[in-house]
C-alpha atoms as a PDB file:
ATOM      1  CA  UNK A   1       0.484 -13.375 -18.111  1.00  0.00           C
ATOM      2  CA  UNK A   2      -2.811 -13.976 -16.308  1.00  0.00           C
ATOM      3  CA  UNK A   3      -1.792 -11.384 -13.668  1.00  0.00           C
ATOM      4  CA  UNK A   4      -1.337  -8.806 -16.445  1.00  0.00           C
ATOM      5  CA  UNK A   5      -4.786  -9.655 -17.773  1.00  0.00           C
ATOM      6  CA  UNK A   6      -6.256  -9.452 -14.280  1.00  0.00           C
ATOM      7  CA  UNK A   7      -4.579  -6.070 -13.686  1.00  0.00           C
ATOM      8  CA  UNK A   8      -6.029  -4.742 -16.936  1.00  0.00           C
ATOM      9  CA  UNK A   9      -9.610  -5.309 -15.731  1.00  0.00           C
ATOM     10  CA  UNK A  10      -9.097  -4.241 -12.116  1.00  0.00           C
ATOM     11  CA  UNK A  11      -9.087  -0.641 -10.947  1.00  0.00           C
ATOM     12  CA  UNK A  12      -5.693   0.706  -9.882  1.00  0.00           C
ATOM     13  CA  UNK A  13      -6.600   0.391  -6.209  1.00  0.00           C
ATOM     14  CA  UNK A  14      -7.811  -3.203  -6.678  1.00  0.00           C
ATOM     15  CA  UNK A  15      -4.591  -4.146  -8.477  1.00  0.00           C
ATOM     16  CA  UNK A  16      -2.512  -2.492  -5.725  1.00  0.00           C
ATOM     17  CA  UNK A  17      -4.485  -4.367  -3.056  1.00  0.00           C
ATOM     18  CA  UNK A  18      -3.810  -7.640  -4.914  1.00  0.00           C
ATOM     19  CA  UNK A  19      -0.098  -6.788  -5.105  1.00  0.00           C
ATOM     20  CA  UNK A  20       0.078  -5.858  -1.402  1.00  0.00           C
ATOM     21  CA  UNK A  21      -1.582  -9.151  -0.474  1.00  0.00           C
ATOM     22  CA  UNK A  22       0.740 -11.118  -2.769  1.00  0.00           C
ATOM     23  CA  UNK A  23       3.847  -9.452  -1.315  1.00  0.00           C
ATOM     24  CA  UNK A  24       2.616  -9.870   2.260  1.00  0.00           C
ATOM     25  CA  UNK A  25       2.326 -13.634   1.727  1.00  0.00           C
ATOM     26  CA  UNK A  26       6.083 -13.760   0.999  1.00  0.00           C
ATOM     27  CA  UNK A  27       6.933 -12.621   4.528  1.00  0.00           C
ATOM     28  CA  UNK A  28       8.280 -15.139   7.037  1.00  0.00           C
ATOM     29  CA  UNK A  29       6.770 -16.790  10.091  1.00  0.00           C
ATOM     30  CA  UNK A  30       3.603 -15.178  11.404  1.00  0.00           C
ATOM     31  CA  UNK A  31       4.233 -11.863   9.617  1.00  0.00           C
ATOM     32  CA  UNK A  32       1.721 -12.641   6.821  1.00  0.00           C
ATOM     33  CA  UNK A  33      -1.122 -12.975   9.342  1.00  0.00           C
ATOM     34  CA  UNK A  34       0.006 -10.311  11.833  1.00  0.00           C
ATOM     35  CA  UNK A  35       1.740  -7.726   9.635  1.00  0.00           C
ATOM     36  CA  UNK A  36       0.627  -5.271   6.998  1.00  0.00           C
ATOM     37  CA  UNK A  37       2.039  -4.587   3.554  1.00  0.00           C
ATOM     38  CA  UNK A  38       0.959  -1.467   1.678  1.00  0.00           C
ATOM     39  CA  UNK A  39       1.462  -0.577  -1.989  1.00  0.00           C
ATOM     40  CA  UNK A  40       0.651   3.054  -2.809  1.00  0.00           C
ATOM     41  CA  UNK A  41       1.055   4.613  -6.255  1.00  0.00           C
ATOM     42  CA  UNK A  42       2.430   8.130  -6.502  1.00  0.00           C
ATOM     43  CA  UNK A  43       3.199  10.625  -9.274  1.00  0.00           C
ATOM     44  CA  UNK A  44       6.308  12.796  -8.820  1.00  0.00           C
ATOM     45  CA  UNK A  45       5.231  16.430  -8.456  1.00  0.00           C
ATOM     46  CA  UNK A  46       7.969  17.693 -10.798  1.00  0.00           C
ATOM     47  CA  UNK A  47       8.827  14.934 -13.267  1.00  0.00           C
ATOM     48  CA  UNK A  48       5.449  13.176 -13.470  1.00  0.00           C
ATOM     49  CA  UNK A  49       7.143   9.793 -12.968  1.00  0.00           C
ATOM     50  CA  UNK A  50       4.766   7.204 -11.504  1.00  0.00           C
ATOM     51  CA  UNK A  51       6.041   4.714  -8.922  1.00  0.00           C
ATOM     52  CA  UNK A  52       4.477   2.116  -6.641  1.00  0.00           C
ATOM     53  CA  UNK A  53       5.829   2.386  -3.100  1.00  0.00           C
ATOM     54  CA  UNK A  54       5.960  -0.756  -0.957  1.00  0.00           C
ATOM     55  CA  UNK A  55       6.239  -0.685   2.837  1.00  0.00           C
ATOM     56  CA  UNK A  56       5.532  -2.931   5.812  1.00  0.00           C
ATOM     57  CA  UNK A  57       4.860  -2.147   9.459  1.00  0.00           C
ATOM     58  CA  UNK A  58       8.423  -3.182  10.380  1.00  0.00           C
ATOM     59  CA  UNK A  59      11.428  -0.833  10.085  1.00  0.00           C
ATOM     60  CA  UNK A  60      12.687  -2.582   6.912  1.00  0.00           C
ATOM     61  CA  UNK A  61      10.971  -4.232   3.969  1.00  0.00           C
ATOM     62  CA  UNK A  62      12.203  -7.852   4.216  1.00  0.00           C
ATOM     63  CA  UNK A  63      14.466  -9.414   1.574  1.00  0.00           C
ATOM     64  CA  UNK A  64      11.728 -11.907   0.683  1.00  0.00           C
ATOM     65  CA  UNK A  65       9.622  -8.957  -0.541  1.00  0.00           C
ATOM     66  CA  UNK A  66      12.439  -6.697  -1.772  1.00  0.00           C
ATOM     67  CA  UNK A  67      13.826  -9.467  -4.003  1.00  0.00           C
ATOM     68  CA  UNK A  68      10.641  -9.726  -6.094  1.00  0.00           C
ATOM     69  CA  UNK A  69       9.877  -6.040  -6.631  1.00  0.00           C
ATOM     70  CA  UNK A  70       9.136  -5.156 -10.244  1.00  0.00           C
ATOM     71  CA  UNK A  71      10.293  -2.248 -12.328  1.00  0.00           C
ATOM     72  CA  UNK A  72       8.518   0.852 -11.046  1.00  0.00           C
ATOM     73  CA  UNK A  73       8.161  -0.550  -7.514  1.00  0.00           C
ATOM     74  CA  UNK A  74      10.272   0.860  -4.677  1.00  0.00           C
ATOM     75  CA  UNK A  75      10.730  -0.431  -1.132  1.00  0.00           C
ATOM     76  CA  UNK A  76      10.318   2.277   1.517  1.00  0.00           C
ATOM     77  CA  UNK A  77      11.834   1.627   4.944  1.00  0.00           C
ATOM     78  CA  UNK A  78      10.844   3.436   8.133  1.00  0.00           C
ATOM     79  CA  UNK A  79       9.260   3.232  11.548  1.00  0.00           C
ATOM     80  CA  UNK A  80       5.493   3.164  11.807  1.00  0.00           C
ATOM     81  CA  UNK A  81       2.565   1.598  10.033  1.00  0.00           C
ATOM     82  CA  UNK A  82       3.100   0.586   6.403  1.00  0.00           C
ATOM     83  CA  UNK A  83       0.909   3.339   4.956  1.00  0.00           C
ATOM     84  CA  UNK A  84       2.303   5.882   7.444  1.00  0.00           C
ATOM     85  CA  UNK A  85       5.860   5.124   6.292  1.00  0.00           C
ATOM     86  CA  UNK A  86       5.018   5.739   2.626  1.00  0.00           C
ATOM     87  CA  UNK A  87       3.162   8.979   3.337  1.00  0.00           C
ATOM     88  CA  UNK A  88       5.967  10.252   5.606  1.00  0.00           C
ATOM     89  CA  UNK A  89       8.861   9.313   3.337  1.00  0.00           C
ATOM     90  CA  UNK A  90       7.384  10.116  -0.099  1.00  0.00           C
ATOM     91  CA  UNK A  91       4.558  12.591   0.567  1.00  0.00           C
ATOM     92  CA  UNK A  92       6.724  15.653  -0.001  1.00  0.00           C
ATOM     93  CA  UNK A  93       7.756  14.694  -3.534  1.00  0.00           C
ATOM     94  CA  UNK A  94       4.772  12.666  -4.750  1.00  0.00           C
ATOM     95  CA  UNK A  95       1.031  13.088  -5.188  1.00  0.00           C
ATOM     96  CA  UNK A  96      -0.658   9.810  -4.324  1.00  0.00           C
ATOM     97  CA  UNK A  97      -3.052   8.302  -6.868  1.00  0.00           C
ATOM     98  CA  UNK A  98      -4.245   4.988  -5.419  1.00  0.00           C
ATOM     99  CA  UNK A  99      -3.271   2.344  -2.907  1.00  0.00           C
ATOM    100  CA  UNK A 100      -3.994  -1.054  -1.481  1.00  0.00           C
ATOM    101  CA  UNK A 101      -3.130  -2.848   1.742  1.00  0.00           C
ATOM    102  CA  UNK A 102      -2.993  -6.463   2.837  1.00  0.00           C
ATOM    103  CA  UNK A 103      -5.029  -5.703   5.973  1.00  0.00           C
ATOM    104  CA  UNK A 104      -7.643  -3.126   6.926  1.00  0.00           C
ATOM    105  CA  UNK A 105      -6.444   0.488   7.164  1.00  0.00           C
ATOM    106  CA  UNK A 106      -6.340   1.665  10.789  1.00  0.00           C
ATOM    107  CA  UNK A 107      -8.678   4.382  12.053  1.00  0.00           C
ATOM    108  CA  UNK A 108      -6.274   6.372  14.228  1.00  0.00           C
ATOM    109  CA  UNK A 109      -3.182   6.909  12.055  1.00  0.00           C
ATOM    110  CA  UNK A 110      -3.436   5.738   8.464  1.00  0.00           C
ATOM    111  CA  UNK A 111      -7.012   6.694   7.512  1.00  0.00           C
ATOM    112  CA  UNK A 112      -6.461  10.371   8.448  1.00  0.00           C
ATOM    113  CA  UNK A 113      -3.082  10.376   6.652  1.00  0.00           C
ATOM    114  CA  UNK A 114      -4.680   8.966   3.502  1.00  0.00           C
ATOM    115  CA  UNK A 115      -7.279  11.760   3.611  1.00  0.00           C
ATOM    116  CA  UNK A 116      -4.583  14.392   4.213  1.00  0.00           C
ATOM    117  CA  UNK A 117      -2.790  13.138   1.096  1.00  0.00           C
ATOM    118  CA  UNK A 118      -5.925  13.323  -1.073  1.00  0.00           C
ATOM    119  CA  UNK A 119      -7.017   9.685  -0.934  1.00  0.00           C
ATOM    120  CA  UNK A 120     -10.384   8.277   0.069  1.00  0.00           C
ATOM    121  CA  UNK A 121     -10.891   4.785   1.449  1.00  0.00           C
ATOM    122  CA  UNK A 122     -13.054   2.701  -0.845  1.00  0.00           C
ATOM    123  CA  UNK A 123     -13.867  -0.774  -2.106  1.00  0.00           C
ATOM    124  CA  UNK A 124     -15.315  -3.843  -0.483  1.00  0.00           C
ATOM    125  CA  UNK A 125     -15.753  -3.889   3.271  1.00  0.00           C
ATOM    126  CA  UNK A 126     -13.737  -6.400   5.299  1.00  0.00           C
ATOM    127  CA  UNK A 127     -14.491  -7.474   8.854  1.00  0.00           C
ATOM    128  CA  UNK A 128     -11.905  -6.432  11.396  1.00  0.00           C
ATOM    129  CA  UNK A 129     -11.063  -5.101  14.813  1.00  0.00           C
ATOM    130  CA  UNK A 130     -12.564  -1.895  16.213  1.00  0.00           C
ATOM    131  CA  UNK A 131      -9.347   0.096  15.650  1.00  0.00           C
ATOM    132  CA  UNK A 132      -9.500  -0.609  11.891  1.00  0.00           C
ATOM    133  CA  UNK A 133     -11.654   0.739   9.096  1.00  0.00           C
ATOM    134  CA  UNK A 134     -13.410  -1.887   6.965  1.00  0.00           C
ATOM    135  CA  UNK A 135     -11.342  -0.792   3.928  1.00  0.00           C
ATOM    136  CA  UNK A 136      -8.141  -1.924   2.190  1.00  0.00           C
ATOM    137  CA  UNK A 137      -8.335   0.231  -0.956  1.00  0.00           C
ATOM    138  CA  UNK A 138      -7.600   3.932  -1.506  1.00  0.00           C
ATOM    139  CA  UNK A 139      -8.161   6.181  -4.517  1.00  0.00           C
ATOM    140  CA  UNK A 140      -7.637   9.824  -5.357  1.00  0.00           C
ATOM    141  CA  UNK A 141     -10.613  11.986  -4.286  1.00  0.00           C
END
């Protein structure tokens, strides 16, 4: 219940960042510290249905994450960065509204893809490596 209350006062992108971080912590071994989980909300271009897409940087979303997905959340499998997978697999059918990641969005692949799909990087700045932006939140421009 407290998560519902928290989500009601957070922006969509903040809530999606919280969810990405929560799901990332369920991964095994060193994946929580080395991997990335992304949760990006999209609205179907025809039906208007809103879904939250969940992906990781590995080819498959692990069972530990898949098993706790909520109604309206969908695991997206594919090769590439977590955000890249969602944009590639769902970008044709969905307009993206907001997103959050468990780690900083990378400069070379995911930041330009977010922009291409109408999202701007936003929110608090996090320290990170030179190949990463300081951002973990995305919202519709």
